Amino acid sequence: MFRWITITLLTIAVVGLGVFGYKEHQDKNAVLIQAENNYQRAFHELTYDVDMLHDKIGSTLAMNSHKQLSPQLAEIWRITSEASSDVGQLPLTLLPFNKTEEFLHNIGDFAYKTAVRDLEKNPLSDEEIAGLEGLYKQSGEIRDELRQVQSIVLEDNLRWMDVELALATDDENGDNTIINGFKTVEKSMDGFQKTNNENGIAMETQNTSAPKVEGKEINDKQAEKIARDWFKNIGNSKMTITKSGKGADVPTITASYQKGETNGYMDISQKGGYPLTLMLSRQVNEPAIGLNQASEEALKYLEKLNLKDMELSESSQYDNVGVFRFVHSKDGIRYYPQTIHLKIALDNGELLGLSAREFFTANSEPIIGEPKISEEEARGMINPNLEIQDNYLAVIKNDLNEPVLCYEFLATKDDETYRIFINAINGEEEKVETLRSTEKKYEPANLQ
């Protein structure tokens, strides 16, 4: 009897393991199929986008109307952005492809800068037209290479998962048709760079203004000490310390922990030991303090960073959390590139979030000239339906990522508050933001 019970139990166990193994195999296959489908989609969309890019550049060269030229260049910028996104979704992290990505970036950069300028007053120069002709030829060569790879992929039913495996294992014996095709595209970029420099469209390096953080380098133990100093009530909870990988724009040390239902995460710069990002996830109870008191708590955390000349520029409430934006201010000018965001729990004033990367990686105050238009002239640029409440001088980054001196106006209309930046040099409207003091909470009943 005992023998039959043992046999039955063993049989059930074997069958159970078999079912579990089969289910796990199915789940693994499902994940692999999904990844393969995503790779295939990104590759075919990249090929299509480069094809479209070639056609759009050709159409631009055939145009004679400045009115049509700007939207066409804006479309080229959009396509290059999509193509760059497609490249980022392919398993090419182990394959040098930075020159091609740089090529796409610079086409988009040139197209955008040209599209936003007044082409009636400042039309395309002979050098820029020659540059466009060069880009047209180059995009055609890339298109042909990608089409050839696409043809082989479709004909031989090649899989991108095999490409990923070959790159990871450095397999020289497998079918590396796709890899070889992309290497050919990348190699062709060497000649393109020289041609574009000669034609007036320089292939700029994307990292010329890479963010930097200065200071003495810290080790893992020092990073953990900094993190424990910022997190409250962590006690003896174990903290996990990891360093960022090679090539990170700002090398960091990440400290994280879990205590019950509370999770903490913090990025600390390896140089200087500055807290760049902090996130604390926990249940936030009903508010016991208001936004004003919460902003005072936020200032205490700024003092902990030893920061001076910081000014509160925005505060808002989302459920039981206060969110505050502080900007560096000097000589009556707000420097928005140097910004810090803080999230404060309204139940006890605890710091739930800190975003200081923008501040610590920004350049020091840029050299800004005097306004060329008066404050009264700038006021005249504001929509007359708005009521101006306050104004400042401020430095912001425009769409071309350049610092510009602006008049900042806070204006209201009905129940909405807006922040409007008017260029203090030429009077153009640079940016408009909608501000909210409290985020409206939508109940399920309101959706019916």
Protein backbone atom coordinates (compact mmCIF):
# COMPACT_ATOMS: atom_id res chain seq x y z
CA MET A 1 0.00 0.00 0.00
CA PHE A 2 2.75 2.37 1.03
CA ARG A 3 4.58 1.52 -2.19
CA TRP A 4 1.59 2.49 -4.35
CA ILE A 5 1.17 5.78 -2.47
CA THR A 6 4.86 6.56 -3.03
CA ILE A 7 4.60 5.73 -6.73
CA THR A 8 1.47 7.88 -7.08
CA LEU A 9 3.11 10.85 -5.34
CA LEU A 10 6.24 10.55 -7.47
CA THR A 11 4.12 10.35 -10.62
CA ILE A 12 2.21 13.48 -9.63
CA ALA A 13 5.49 15.26 -8.85
CA VAL A 14 7.01 14.28 -12.23
CA VAL A 15 3.89 15.36 -14.10
CA GLY A 16 3.79 18.61 -12.10
CA LEU A 17 7.42 19.36 -12.92
CA GLY A 18 6.77 18.56 -16.55
CA VAL A 19 3.78 20.90 -16.69
CA PHE A 20 5.76 23.63 -14.89
CA GLY A 21 8.72 23.18 -17.27
CA TYR A 22 6.45 23.28 -20.31
CA LYS A 23 4.70 26.43 -19.00
CA GLU A 24 8.05 28.08 -18.30
CA HIS A 25 9.24 27.14 -21.79
CA GLN A 26 6.09 28.64 -23.30
CA ASP A 27 6.51 31.85 -21.31
CA LYS A 28 10.15 32.13 -22.37
CA ASN A 29 9.21 31.62 -26.01
CA ALA A 30 6.50 34.26 -25.72
CA VAL A 31 9.04 36.78 -24.39
CA LEU A 32 11.53 35.92 -27.16
CA ILE A 33 8.84 36.23 -29.84
CA GLN A 34 7.77 39.62 -28.50
CA ALA A 35 11.37 40.85 -28.44
CA GLU A 36 11.95 39.57 -31.98
CA ASN A 37 8.78 41.29 -33.21
CA ASN A 38 9.89 44.57 -31.62
CA TYR A 39 13.32 44.32 -33.26
CA GLN A 40 11.79 43.53 -36.66
CA ARG A 41 9.35 46.45 -36.35
CA ALA A 42 12.10 48.91 -35.37
CA PHE A 43 14.36 47.78 -38.25
CA HIS A 44 11.69 48.01 -40.95
CA GLU A 45 10.52 51.38 -39.60
CA LEU A 46 14.13 52.60 -39.67
CA THR A 47 14.45 51.54 -43.30
CA TYR A 48 11.17 53.30 -44.13
CA ASP A 49 12.19 56.48 -42.26
CA VAL A 50 15.56 56.71 -44.04
CA ASP A 51 13.73 56.18 -47.34
CA MET A 52 11.34 59.02 -46.44
CA LEU A 53 14.25 61.19 -45.28
CA HIS A 54 15.95 60.83 -48.65
CA ASP A 55 12.75 61.80 -50.48
CA LYS A 56 12.05 64.80 -48.23
CA ILE A 57 15.57 66.20 -48.65
CA GLY A 58 15.18 65.79 -52.41
CA SER A 59 11.85 67.65 -52.32
CA THR A 60 13.46 70.44 -50.30
CA LEU A 61 16.12 70.94 -52.95
CA ALA A 62 13.39 71.25 -55.59
CA MET A 63 11.43 73.92 -53.68
CA ASN A 64 11.55 77.62 -54.49
CA SER A 65 9.03 78.87 -51.93
CA HIS A 66 10.24 79.96 -48.50
CA LYS A 67 6.70 79.46 -47.20
CA GLN A 68 6.84 75.75 -48.03
CA LEU A 69 10.48 75.29 -47.08
CA SER A 70 10.06 75.74 -43.31
CA PRO A 71 7.40 73.03 -42.81
CA GLN A 72 9.38 70.70 -45.08
CA LEU A 73 12.50 71.15 -42.95
CA ALA A 74 10.41 70.62 -39.81
CA GLU A 75 9.19 67.34 -41.32
CA ILE A 76 12.81 66.29 -41.97
CA TRP A 77 13.57 67.01 -38.30
CA ARG A 78 10.61 64.85 -37.23
CA ILE A 79 11.69 61.94 -39.44
CA THR A 80 15.29 62.02 -38.17
CA SER A 81 13.96 61.93 -34.59
CA GLU A 82 11.90 58.84 -35.40
CA ALA A 83 14.84 57.20 -37.18
CA SER A 84 17.09 57.85 -34.16
CA SER A 85 14.43 56.31 -31.93
CA ASP A 86 14.30 53.22 -34.16
CA VAL A 87 18.08 52.81 -33.95
CA GLY A 88 17.84 53.00 -30.17
CA GLN A 89 15.39 50.07 -30.14
CA LEU A 90 17.72 47.71 -32.04
CA PRO A 91 20.17 45.36 -30.25
CA LEU A 92 23.23 47.32 -31.37
CA THR A 93 24.64 48.30 -27.98
CA LEU A 94 27.74 46.14 -28.58
CA LEU A 95 28.14 47.32 -32.18
CA PRO A 96 29.72 50.76 -32.77
CA PHE A 97 26.98 52.75 -34.49
CA ASN A 98 27.59 56.19 -33.01
CA LYS A 99 28.64 57.84 -36.30
CA THR A 100 25.33 56.94 -37.94
CA GLU A 101 23.39 58.17 -34.91
CA GLU A 102 25.45 61.37 -35.02
CA PHE A 103 24.66 61.73 -38.73
CA LEU A 104 20.92 61.51 -38.03
CA HIS A 105 21.26 63.92 -35.11
CA ASN A 106 23.02 66.53 -37.20
CA ILE A 107 20.56 66.33 -40.07
CA GLY A 108 17.76 66.92 -37.56
CA ASP A 109 19.70 69.69 -35.81
CA PHE A 110 20.37 71.52 -39.08
CA ALA A 111 16.77 71.06 -40.28
CA TYR A 112 15.29 72.36 -37.02
CA LYS A 113 17.56 75.41 -36.73
CA THR A 114 16.83 76.30 -40.34
CA ALA A 115 13.07 75.72 -40.03
CA VAL A 116 12.62 78.07 -37.06
CA ARG A 117 14.50 81.00 -38.58
CA ASP A 118 12.94 83.59 -40.88
CA LEU A 119 13.86 82.25 -44.32
CA GLU A 120 12.43 85.34 -46.01
CA LYS A 121 15.00 87.54 -44.31
CA ASN A 122 17.71 84.91 -44.01
CA PRO A 123 17.36 82.38 -46.87
CA LEU A 124 19.51 79.29 -47.34
CA SER A 125 23.09 80.15 -48.25
CA ASP A 126 24.98 78.54 -51.13
CA GLU A 127 26.98 76.51 -48.57
CA GLU A 128 23.78 75.25 -46.91
CA ILE A 129 22.28 74.26 -50.26
CA ALA A 130 25.49 72.41 -51.11
CA GLY A 131 25.28 70.76 -47.69
CA LEU A 132 21.70 69.64 -48.37
CA GLU A 133 22.78 68.18 -51.69
CA GLY A 134 25.48 66.26 -49.84
CA LEU A 135 22.96 65.02 -47.27
CA TYR A 136 20.65 63.94 -50.09
CA LYS A 137 23.39 61.81 -51.62
CA GLN A 138 24.46 60.39 -48.25
CA SER A 139 20.94 59.50 -47.16
CA GLY A 140 20.50 57.76 -50.51
CA GLU A 141 23.57 55.60 -49.89
CA ILE A 142 22.37 54.69 -46.39
CA ARG A 143 18.92 53.90 -47.80
CA ASP A 144 20.43 51.54 -50.38
CA GLU A 145 22.50 49.74 -47.74
CA LEU A 146 19.52 49.31 -45.43
CA ARG A 147 17.29 48.14 -48.28
CA GLN A 148 19.88 45.53 -49.20
CA VAL A 149 19.98 44.28 -45.60
CA GLN A 150 16.16 44.35 -45.48
CA SER A 151 15.94 42.28 -48.65
CA ILE A 152 18.22 39.59 -47.23
CA VAL A 153 16.39 39.62 -43.88
CA LEU A 154 13.04 39.02 -45.61
CA GLU A 155 14.36 36.49 -48.12
CA ASP A 156 16.32 34.37 -45.63
CA ASN A 157 13.98 34.97 -42.68
CA LEU A 158 16.85 36.18 -40.48
CA ARG A 159 16.22 36.79 -36.80
CA TRP A 160 17.39 39.77 -34.78
CA MET A 161 17.66 37.60 -31.67
CA ASP A 162 20.52 35.80 -33.47
CA VAL A 163 22.16 39.18 -34.05
CA GLU A 164 21.93 39.98 -30.35
CA LEU A 165 23.44 36.59 -29.47
CA ALA A 166 26.25 36.98 -32.02
CA LEU A 167 27.15 40.43 -30.66
CA ALA A 168 27.09 39.22 -27.07
CA THR A 169 29.22 36.11 -27.77
CA ASP A 170 31.38 37.61 -30.53
CA ASP A 171 30.40 34.70 -32.75
CA GLU A 172 32.33 34.92 -36.01
CA ASN A 173 31.02 31.65 -37.44
CA GLY A 174 27.30 32.49 -37.45
CA ASP A 175 25.33 34.32 -40.13
CA ASN A 176 26.36 37.95 -39.51
CA THR A 177 24.67 39.44 -42.58
CA ILE A 178 22.80 42.06 -40.56
CA ILE A 179 25.88 42.99 -38.53
CA ASN A 180 28.02 43.32 -41.65
CA GLY A 181 25.37 45.51 -43.28
CA PHE A 182 25.30 47.91 -40.36
CA LYS A 183 29.11 47.96 -40.22
CA THR A 184 29.11 49.01 -43.88
CA VAL A 185 26.69 51.86 -43.08
CA GLU A 186 28.87 52.96 -40.16
CA LYS A 187 32.07 52.81 -42.25
CA SER A 188 30.55 55.04 -44.93
CA MET A 189 30.16 57.81 -42.32
CA ASP A 190 33.91 58.52 -42.33
CA GLY A 191 33.72 60.10 -45.77
CA PHE A 192 30.45 61.87 -44.98
CA GLN A 193 31.95 63.83 -42.10
CA LYS A 194 34.64 65.42 -44.26
CA THR A 195 32.13 66.21 -47.03
CA ASN A 196 29.70 67.88 -44.62
CA ASN A 197 32.44 69.99 -43.09
CA GLU A 198 33.39 71.21 -46.56
CA ASN A 199 29.75 71.95 -47.41
CA GLY A 200 29.10 74.03 -44.32
CA ILE A 201 27.10 71.47 -42.31
CA ALA A 202 29.59 70.43 -39.69
CA MET A 203 29.14 67.06 -38.05
CA GLU A 204 29.17 68.31 -34.50
CA THR A 205 29.86 65.94 -31.63
CA GLN A 206 26.74 65.52 -29.56
CA ASN A 207 28.65 65.52 -26.28
CA THR A 208 30.48 68.84 -26.70
CA SER A 209 28.54 70.17 -23.73
CA ALA A 210 28.30 66.93 -21.78
CA PRO A 211 27.28 67.56 -18.19
CA LYS A 212 30.05 67.49 -15.62
CA VAL A 213 30.13 67.41 -11.84
CA GLU A 214 33.30 68.49 -10.10
CA GLY A 215 34.61 67.46 -6.68
CA LYS A 216 36.54 64.82 -4.77
CA GLU A 217 35.64 61.24 -5.70
CA ILE A 218 33.80 59.23 -3.05
CA ASN A 219 33.73 55.47 -2.42
CA ASP A 220 30.85 53.08 -1.74
CA LYS A 221 31.03 53.46 2.05
CA GLN A 222 30.89 57.23 1.81
CA ALA A 223 27.95 56.99 -0.57
CA GLU A 224 26.07 54.73 1.85
CA LYS A 225 26.73 57.18 4.70
CA ILE A 226 25.35 60.04 2.60
CA ALA A 227 22.24 58.03 1.70
CA ARG A 228 21.55 57.00 5.32
CA ASP A 229 21.86 60.64 6.33
CA TRP A 230 19.11 61.60 3.86
CA PHE A 231 16.70 58.73 4.49
CA LYS A 232 14.80 58.87 7.77
CA ASN A 233 13.81 55.88 9.89
CA ILE A 234 15.95 53.47 7.87
CA GLY A 235 17.48 51.90 11.00
CA ASN A 236 19.62 48.85 10.31
CA SER A 237 17.93 48.04 7.01
CA LYS A 238 20.34 46.63 4.43
CA MET A 239 21.33 49.10 1.73
CA THR A 240 22.32 47.99 -1.77
CA ILE A 241 25.13 50.01 -3.39
CA THR A 242 25.83 49.91 -7.15
CA LYS A 243 27.95 52.02 -9.48
CA SER A 244 26.88 53.30 -12.89
CA GLY A 245 28.37 51.58 -15.93
CA LYS A 246 31.16 52.88 -18.09
CA GLY A 247 30.23 55.71 -20.44
CA ALA A 248 27.68 57.33 -18.12
CA ASP A 249 27.50 61.08 -18.74
CA VAL A 250 27.60 61.63 -14.97
CA PRO A 251 29.17 58.70 -13.02
CA THR A 252 26.95 57.91 -10.04
CA ILE A 253 26.64 55.55 -7.09
CA THR A 254 23.12 54.28 -6.47
CA ALA A 255 21.93 53.46 -2.95
CA SER A 256 18.62 51.64 -2.45
CA TYR A 257 16.81 49.88 0.38
CA GLN A 258 13.49 48.31 1.32
CA LYS A 259 11.91 48.36 4.77
CA GLY A 260 8.43 46.87 4.92
CA GLU A 261 6.31 48.70 2.36
CA THR A 262 8.77 51.59 2.11
CA ASN A 263 11.31 51.71 -0.74
CA GLY A 264 14.14 54.22 -1.02
CA TYR A 265 16.36 55.03 -4.02
CA MET A 266 19.13 57.59 -4.38
CA ASP A 267 21.65 58.56 -7.07
CA ILE A 268 24.82 60.20 -5.74
CA SER A 269 27.52 61.72 -7.97
CA GLN A 270 30.83 59.89 -7.69
CA LYS A 271 32.58 63.24 -7.82
CA GLY A 272 31.59 65.54 -4.99
CA GLY A 273 29.07 63.14 -3.46
CA TYR A 274 26.09 65.30 -4.46
CA PRO A 275 22.55 63.85 -4.18
CA LEU A 276 21.28 64.00 -7.77
CA THR A 277 18.06 62.01 -7.45
CA LEU A 278 16.11 60.75 -4.45
CA MET A 279 12.85 58.81 -4.43
CA LEU A 280 10.99 57.48 -1.41
CA SER A 281 7.92 55.33 -2.02
CA ARG A 282 5.50 54.87 0.86
CA GLN A 283 1.85 55.32 1.81
CA VAL A 284 1.18 59.05 2.38
CA ASN A 285 -1.64 59.72 4.83
CA GLU A 286 -4.08 62.63 4.94
CA PRO A 287 -2.41 66.09 4.99
CA ALA A 288 -1.45 67.50 8.38
CA ILE A 289 0.44 70.51 6.98
CA GLY A 290 -0.28 72.99 4.19
CA LEU A 291 1.78 73.96 1.14
CA ASN A 292 3.30 76.95 2.92
CA GLN A 293 4.68 74.87 5.79
CA ALA A 294 5.77 72.17 3.34
CA SER A 295 7.74 74.78 1.37
CA GLU A 296 9.57 75.70 4.59
CA GLU A 297 10.46 72.02 5.02
CA ALA A 298 11.71 71.98 1.44
CA LEU A 299 13.98 74.95 2.21
CA LYS A 300 15.53 72.98 5.08
CA TYR A 301 16.51 70.24 2.63
CA LEU A 302 18.04 72.86 0.33
CA GLU A 303 20.08 74.14 3.28
CA LYS A 304 21.27 70.57 3.78
CA LEU A 305 22.71 70.79 0.25
CA ASN A 306 24.53 74.00 1.29
CA LEU A 307 22.85 75.90 -1.53
CA LYS A 308 22.40 79.64 -1.41
CA ASP A 309 20.49 82.15 -3.53
CA MET A 310 17.68 79.70 -4.29
CA GLU A 311 14.20 81.10 -4.92
CA LEU A 312 10.85 79.30 -4.92
CA SER A 313 9.36 79.71 -8.38
CA GLU A 314 6.52 77.18 -8.33
CA SER A 315 4.53 75.10 -5.86
CA SER A 316 1.67 72.68 -6.41
CA GLN A 317 -0.20 69.94 -4.61
CA TYR A 318 -0.88 66.45 -5.98
CA ASP A 319 -3.11 64.43 -3.64
CA ASN A 320 -1.18 64.38 -0.33
CA VAL A 321 2.15 65.55 -1.76
CA GLY A 322 3.57 69.05 -2.26
CA VAL A 323 5.86 69.64 -5.26
CA PHE A 324 8.23 72.61 -5.27
CA ARG A 325 10.53 74.09 -7.86
CA PHE A 326 13.49 76.23 -6.76
CA VAL A 327 15.72 78.19 -9.16
CA HIS A 328 19.06 79.86 -8.65
CA SER A 329 18.69 83.65 -8.42
CA LYS A 330 21.40 86.27 -8.55
CA ASP A 331 21.34 90.04 -9.07
CA GLY A 332 17.61 89.92 -9.68
CA ILE A 333 17.83 87.30 -12.46
CA ARG A 334 16.39 83.78 -12.19
CA TYR A 335 18.52 81.10 -13.83
CA TYR A 336 16.11 78.33 -14.81
CA PRO A 337 18.81 75.97 -16.15
CA GLN A 338 19.88 75.69 -12.48
CA THR A 339 16.72 74.17 -11.05
CA ILE A 340 15.92 71.78 -8.19
CA HIS A 341 12.58 69.96 -7.69
CA LEU A 342 11.45 68.59 -4.32
CA LYS A 343 8.46 66.48 -3.25
CA ILE A 344 7.31 66.82 0.35
CA ALA A 345 4.83 64.54 2.12
CA LEU A 346 2.00 66.64 3.55
CA ASP A 347 1.36 64.19 6.40
CA ASN A 348 4.70 64.76 8.17
CA GLY A 349 6.93 66.99 5.97
CA GLU A 350 9.21 64.12 4.91
CA LEU A 351 11.22 64.39 1.70
CA LEU A 352 9.75 61.99 -0.87
CA GLY A 353 11.59 63.16 -3.96
CA LEU A 354 14.57 65.24 -5.03
CA SER A 355 15.73 66.03 -8.55
CA ALA A 356 18.96 68.03 -8.50
CA ARG A 357 20.79 66.64 -11.54
CA GLU A 358 19.76 69.70 -13.58
CA PHE A 359 21.31 72.00 -10.98
CA PHE A 360 24.61 70.22 -10.42
CA THR A 361 25.27 69.51 -14.11
CA ALA A 362 24.34 72.99 -15.36
CA ASN A 363 27.04 75.48 -16.21
CA SER A 364 27.54 78.41 -13.87
CA GLU A 365 25.63 81.59 -14.61
CA PRO A 366 26.08 82.35 -18.31
CA ILE A 367 27.23 85.76 -19.43
CA ILE A 368 23.99 87.53 -20.35
CA GLY A 369 23.78 90.98 -21.94
CA GLU A 370 21.42 93.78 -21.02
CA PRO A 371 17.79 93.73 -22.25
CA LYS A 372 17.31 95.53 -25.55
CA ILE A 373 13.61 96.05 -25.04
CA SER A 374 11.96 97.60 -21.99
CA GLU A 375 9.71 95.81 -19.55
CA GLU A 376 6.79 97.89 -20.84
CA GLU A 377 7.51 96.80 -24.41
CA ALA A 378 7.64 93.17 -23.26
CA ARG A 379 4.28 93.61 -21.50
CA GLY A 380 2.84 94.69 -24.83
CA MET A 381 3.71 91.25 -26.25
CA ILE A 382 1.44 89.49 -23.72
CA ASN A 383 -2.04 88.39 -24.77
CA PRO A 384 -4.35 91.30 -23.75
CA ASN A 385 -6.88 88.79 -22.38
CA LEU A 386 -4.43 87.89 -19.60
CA GLU A 387 -3.99 89.82 -16.36
CA ILE A 388 -0.34 90.22 -15.38
CA GLN A 389 0.32 89.57 -11.68
CA ASP A 390 4.10 89.67 -11.39
CA ASN A 391 7.27 89.80 -13.48
CA TYR A 392 10.99 89.01 -13.24
CA LEU A 393 14.12 88.83 -15.36
CA ALA A 394 15.05 85.22 -16.12
CA VAL A 395 17.42 83.07 -18.14
CA ILE A 396 15.95 79.98 -19.82
CA LYS A 397 17.05 77.52 -22.50
CA ASN A 398 15.25 78.04 -25.82
CA ASP A 399 14.28 75.33 -28.33
CA LEU A 400 17.85 75.32 -29.62
CA ASN A 401 19.14 74.64 -26.09
CA GLU A 402 20.73 78.11 -25.94
CA PRO A 403 20.51 80.39 -22.88
CA VAL A 404 18.40 83.48 -23.53
CA LEU A 405 17.54 86.45 -21.33
CA CYS A 406 13.80 86.90 -20.93
CA TYR A 407 11.15 88.85 -19.12
CA GLU A 408 9.16 86.34 -17.08
CA PHE A 409 5.50 87.24 -16.52
CA LEU A 410 3.01 85.49 -14.25
CA ALA A 411 -0.46 86.10 -15.66
CA THR A 412 -3.95 84.81 -14.97
CA LYS A 413 -7.15 84.20 -16.90
CA ASP A 414 -10.23 82.83 -15.14
CA ASP A 415 -8.90 80.09 -12.83
CA GLU A 416 -5.69 79.45 -14.75
CA THR A 417 -2.22 80.85 -14.07
CA TYR A 418 0.42 81.10 -16.79
CA ARG A 419 4.15 81.74 -16.83
CA ILE A 420 5.18 83.51 -20.03
CA PHE A 421 8.76 84.18 -21.16
CA ILE A 422 9.34 87.09 -23.56
CA ASN A 423 12.80 87.36 -25.13
CA ALA A 424 14.41 90.50 -23.69
CA ILE A 425 16.51 91.00 -26.83
CA ASN A 426 14.01 90.68 -29.69
CA GLY A 427 10.59 90.55 -27.97
CA GLU A 428 9.67 87.07 -29.22
CA GLU A 429 7.51 84.78 -27.09
CA GLU A 430 9.91 82.01 -26.09
CA LYS A 431 7.77 79.79 -23.87
CA VAL A 432 4.37 79.58 -22.16
CA GLU A 433 3.70 77.31 -19.15
CA THR A 434 0.45 76.55 -17.33
CA LEU A 435 0.80 76.52 -13.54
CA ARG A 436 -1.47 74.75 -11.08
CA SER A 437 -1.52 75.11 -7.30
CA THR A 438 -3.59 71.97 -6.69
CA GLU A 439 -4.12 69.02 -9.00
CA LYS A 440 -7.80 68.18 -9.36
CA LYS A 441 -8.66 64.75 -8.01
CA TYR A 442 -11.06 62.75 -10.19
CA GLU A 443 -13.34 60.32 -8.42
CA PRO A 444 -14.73 57.25 -10.27
CA ALA A 445 -18.26 58.64 -9.93
CA ASN A 446 -17.22 61.75 -11.88
CA LEU A 447 -16.28 59.64 -14.87
CA GLN A 448 -19.73 58.19 -15.36
